[in-house]
Amino acid sequence: MTLNRIKNFGRKFFVLPITKILAKFSIHPNSITIFSLFFSVFAFIFYRKGIFFLGGIFLFFSSILDTFDGELARQTNRITRFGGFLDSTVDRINEFVIYLGLFLYYYNRENYVLFWIFLALFGSLMVSYTRARAEGLGISPKVGIFERLVRLVFLIIGSFWGPKIFIYFLVIIALGTIQTTIHRIIYVYKRSIEIKENAKN
């Protein structure tokens, strides 16, 4: 509930005013989606070099752009199936690019961290997949804490603390995404039983 309040507050006082300005310039939502990828590539470069602070800055701007495309599409009546598909696809690419940069930095430095990188990436992808698959079945599994926004916040804040402290944030993301994935699987299982029982009545 608190997370939803924060998201609604940010949407009302930050996202909406800026998207109204973007709409006046006839900027296409898909252009913003693609542009967010360029910021992620720069973040990858800085993570790869161990300059985590700048990596976090570029990841922040990439994340900001990701919040604008959908809202801009709604405000300009440009909501399309392809736009939604592109947005989700680029989100996954952005996540992979970030974790690839982290992998290349920690490789041969702190090799044990590679396990947590793989687990965090796997968990992140599974959180997104379980939601998409459940929604395809007509179930909205909006449960669990570590959705994309929370993961990005942890990545960005952790980046400002540098490579050593960042590891702790990475572990939290890894464990949190696995917990959220399991939570969603259990939720969908229970909801599917409820739907089946209701269909019998």
Protein backbone atom coordinates (compact mmCIF):
# COMPACT_ATOMS: atom_id res chain seq x y z
CA MET A 1 0.00 0.00 0.00
CA THR A 2 2.81 2.40 0.91
CA LEU A 3 4.59 1.66 -2.37
CA ASN A 4 1.43 2.42 -4.32
CA ARG A 5 1.07 5.73 -2.49
CA ILE A 6 4.63 6.68 -3.39
CA LYS A 7 4.04 5.72 -7.02
CA ASN A 8 0.80 7.72 -7.15
CA PHE A 9 2.49 10.73 -5.55
CA GLY A 10 5.36 10.58 -8.04
CA ARG A 11 2.96 10.19 -10.94
CA LYS A 12 0.84 13.16 -9.90
CA PHE A 13 3.58 15.67 -9.07
CA PHE A 14 6.45 14.53 -11.30
CA VAL A 15 5.52 12.22 -14.17
CA LEU A 16 2.28 13.87 -15.30
CA PRO A 17 3.64 17.45 -15.51
CA ILE A 18 6.68 16.37 -17.53
CA THR A 19 4.72 14.10 -19.89
CA LYS A 20 2.36 16.99 -20.61
CA ILE A 21 5.37 18.99 -21.77
CA LEU A 22 6.64 16.08 -23.87
CA ALA A 23 3.20 15.72 -25.46
CA LYS A 24 3.37 19.31 -26.70
CA PHE A 25 6.54 18.47 -28.64
CA SER A 26 4.86 15.47 -30.32
CA ILE A 27 7.50 13.07 -29.00
CA HIS A 28 6.52 9.47 -29.67
CA PRO A 29 6.40 7.15 -26.61
CA ASN A 30 8.41 4.47 -28.43
CA SER A 31 11.22 6.98 -28.96
CA ILE A 32 11.48 7.46 -25.20
CA THR A 33 11.51 3.69 -24.71
CA ILE A 34 14.43 3.29 -27.12
CA PHE A 35 16.24 6.29 -25.66
CA SER A 36 16.17 4.69 -22.20
CA LEU A 37 18.27 1.88 -23.67
CA PHE A 38 21.07 4.31 -24.55
CA PHE A 39 21.26 5.46 -20.93
CA SER A 40 21.47 1.83 -19.83
CA VAL A 41 24.37 1.27 -22.22
CA PHE A 42 26.24 4.20 -20.64
CA ALA A 43 25.43 2.76 -17.21
CA PHE A 44 26.87 -0.56 -18.41
CA ILE A 45 30.10 1.16 -19.44
CA PHE A 46 30.58 2.82 -16.06
CA TYR A 47 29.66 -0.30 -14.09
CA ARG A 48 32.14 -2.24 -16.21
CA LYS A 49 34.85 0.29 -15.31
CA GLY A 50 33.94 0.25 -11.62
CA ILE A 51 32.65 3.84 -11.62
CA PHE A 52 29.47 2.86 -9.84
CA PHE A 53 28.39 6.40 -8.96
CA LEU A 54 28.11 7.41 -12.62
CA GLY A 55 26.60 4.03 -13.44
CA GLY A 56 23.88 4.77 -10.91
CA ILE A 57 23.30 8.24 -12.38
CA PHE A 58 22.76 6.88 -15.89
CA LEU A 59 20.62 4.04 -14.55
CA PHE A 60 18.51 6.65 -12.76
CA PHE A 61 17.88 8.57 -15.97
CA SER A 62 17.12 5.36 -17.84
CA SER A 63 14.58 4.48 -15.16
CA ILE A 64 13.02 7.94 -15.31
CA LEU A 65 12.51 7.65 -19.06
CA ASP A 66 10.92 4.25 -18.51
CA THR A 67 8.22 5.88 -16.39
CA PHE A 68 7.43 8.46 -19.06
CA ASP A 69 6.75 6.31 -22.13
CA GLY A 70 3.63 4.58 -20.83
CA GLU A 71 2.18 7.76 -19.36
CA LEU A 72 2.90 9.68 -22.56
CA ALA A 73 1.17 6.96 -24.58
CA ARG A 74 -1.92 7.30 -22.39
CA GLN A 75 -2.00 11.08 -22.58
CA THR A 76 -1.58 11.19 -26.36
CA ASN A 77 -3.84 8.21 -27.13
CA ARG A 78 -0.93 6.26 -28.60
CA ILE A 79 -1.39 3.07 -26.61
CA THR A 80 -0.63 0.15 -28.91
CA ARG A 81 0.07 -3.55 -28.47
CA PHE A 82 3.49 -3.08 -30.03
CA GLY A 83 4.27 -0.19 -27.68
CA GLY A 84 3.53 -2.37 -24.66
CA PHE A 85 5.55 -5.20 -26.16
CA LEU A 86 8.49 -2.90 -26.93
CA ASP A 87 8.42 -1.39 -23.45
CA SER A 88 8.53 -4.79 -21.73
CA THR A 89 11.23 -6.06 -24.08
CA VAL A 90 13.48 -3.03 -23.60
CA ASP A 91 12.98 -3.29 -19.82
CA ARG A 92 14.39 -6.82 -19.90
CA ILE A 93 17.27 -5.74 -22.16
CA ASN A 94 18.07 -2.85 -19.82
CA GLU A 95 18.21 -5.18 -16.83
CA PHE A 96 20.44 -7.64 -18.65
CA VAL A 97 22.81 -4.87 -19.79
CA ILE A 98 23.17 -3.57 -16.22
CA TYR A 99 23.88 -6.99 -14.76
CA LEU A 100 26.31 -7.73 -17.57
CA GLY A 101 28.27 -4.61 -16.64
CA LEU A 102 28.31 -5.74 -13.01
CA PHE A 103 29.42 -9.23 -14.00
CA LEU A 104 32.32 -7.92 -16.07
CA TYR A 105 33.47 -5.69 -13.22
CA TYR A 106 33.38 -8.29 -10.44
CA TYR A 107 34.78 -11.08 -12.61
CA ASN A 108 38.28 -11.98 -11.33
CA ARG A 109 37.88 -9.41 -8.54
CA GLU A 110 35.20 -10.82 -6.26
CA ASN A 111 34.16 -14.03 -7.99
CA TYR A 112 31.70 -15.05 -5.26
CA VAL A 113 29.63 -11.98 -6.22
CA LEU A 114 28.97 -13.55 -9.63
CA PHE A 115 26.59 -16.01 -7.96
CA TRP A 116 24.53 -13.16 -6.52
CA ILE A 117 24.54 -11.36 -9.87
CA PHE A 118 23.16 -14.44 -11.62
CA LEU A 119 20.60 -14.99 -8.87
CA ALA A 120 19.49 -11.34 -8.93
CA LEU A 121 19.14 -11.41 -12.72
CA PHE A 122 17.31 -14.73 -12.65
CA GLY A 123 14.99 -13.51 -9.89
CA SER A 124 14.31 -10.25 -11.72
CA LEU A 125 13.40 -12.04 -14.93
CA MET A 126 11.20 -14.52 -13.04
CA VAL A 127 9.32 -11.73 -11.25
CA SER A 128 8.50 -10.21 -14.63
CA TYR A 129 7.73 -13.56 -16.26
CA THR A 130 5.38 -14.76 -13.51
CA ARG A 131 3.39 -11.55 -13.78
CA ALA A 132 3.18 -11.69 -17.57
CA ARG A 133 2.25 -15.38 -17.60
CA ALA A 134 -0.37 -14.96 -14.88
CA GLU A 135 -1.93 -11.98 -16.62
CA GLY A 136 -2.13 -14.12 -19.74
CA LEU A 137 -4.28 -16.50 -17.67
CA GLY A 138 -6.49 -13.66 -16.51
CA ILE A 139 -4.95 -13.38 -13.04
CA SER A 140 -3.30 -10.20 -11.78
CA PRO A 141 -0.48 -11.29 -9.44
CA LYS A 142 0.47 -7.89 -8.07
CA VAL A 143 1.92 -9.36 -4.90
CA GLY A 144 5.45 -9.35 -3.56
CA ILE A 145 7.67 -6.37 -2.86
CA PHE A 146 10.49 -6.62 -5.40
CA GLU A 147 8.82 -5.40 -8.55
CA ARG A 148 10.86 -3.43 -11.08
CA LEU A 149 10.65 -0.07 -9.29
CA VAL A 150 11.98 -1.47 -6.02
CA ARG A 151 14.80 -3.31 -7.78
CA LEU A 152 15.86 -0.13 -9.55
CA VAL A 153 15.82 1.86 -6.32
CA PHE A 154 18.11 -0.68 -4.65
CA LEU A 155 20.45 -0.76 -7.65
CA ILE A 156 20.68 3.02 -7.85
CA ILE A 157 21.12 3.66 -4.12
CA GLY A 158 23.61 0.81 -3.85
CA SER A 159 25.62 2.29 -6.71
CA PHE A 160 26.17 5.52 -4.79
CA TRP A 161 27.89 3.55 -2.02
CA GLY A 162 30.49 2.02 -4.33
CA PRO A 163 31.41 -1.54 -5.37
CA LYS A 164 32.02 -2.95 -1.87
CA ILE A 165 28.77 -1.85 -0.21
CA PHE A 166 26.87 -2.47 -3.45
CA ILE A 167 27.29 -6.21 -2.89
CA TYR A 168 24.93 -6.08 0.09
CA PHE A 169 22.26 -4.38 -2.01
CA LEU A 170 22.78 -7.03 -4.67
CA VAL A 171 22.20 -9.82 -2.15
CA ILE A 172 18.99 -8.15 -0.99
CA ILE A 173 17.76 -7.89 -4.59
CA ALA A 174 18.60 -11.54 -5.25
CA LEU A 175 16.80 -12.83 -2.17
CA GLY A 176 13.93 -10.37 -2.55
CA THR A 177 13.19 -11.31 -6.16
CA ILE A 178 13.24 -15.02 -5.36
CA GLN A 179 10.82 -14.41 -2.48
CA THR A 180 8.55 -12.35 -4.74
CA THR A 181 8.62 -15.06 -7.42
CA ILE A 182 7.63 -17.75 -4.92
CA HIS A 183 4.94 -15.46 -3.49
CA ARG A 184 3.44 -14.96 -6.95
CA ILE A 185 3.51 -18.67 -7.76
CA ILE A 186 1.63 -19.45 -4.55
CA TYR A 187 -0.82 -16.60 -5.20
CA VAL A 188 -1.58 -17.76 -8.74
CA TYR A 189 -2.00 -21.34 -7.52
CA LYS A 190 -4.55 -20.27 -4.91
CA ARG A 191 -6.38 -17.96 -7.33
CA SER A 192 -6.58 -20.68 -9.98
CA ILE A 193 -8.20 -23.01 -7.44
CA GLU A 194 -10.66 -20.26 -6.44
CA ILE A 195 -11.55 -19.61 -10.08
CA LYS A 196 -12.06 -23.33 -10.68
CA GLU A 197 -14.29 -23.65 -7.62
CA ASN A 198 -16.32 -20.59 -8.58
CA ALA A 199 -16.83 -22.01 -12.06
CA LYS A 200 -18.41 -25.12 -10.55
CA ASN A 201 -20.95 -23.09 -8.57
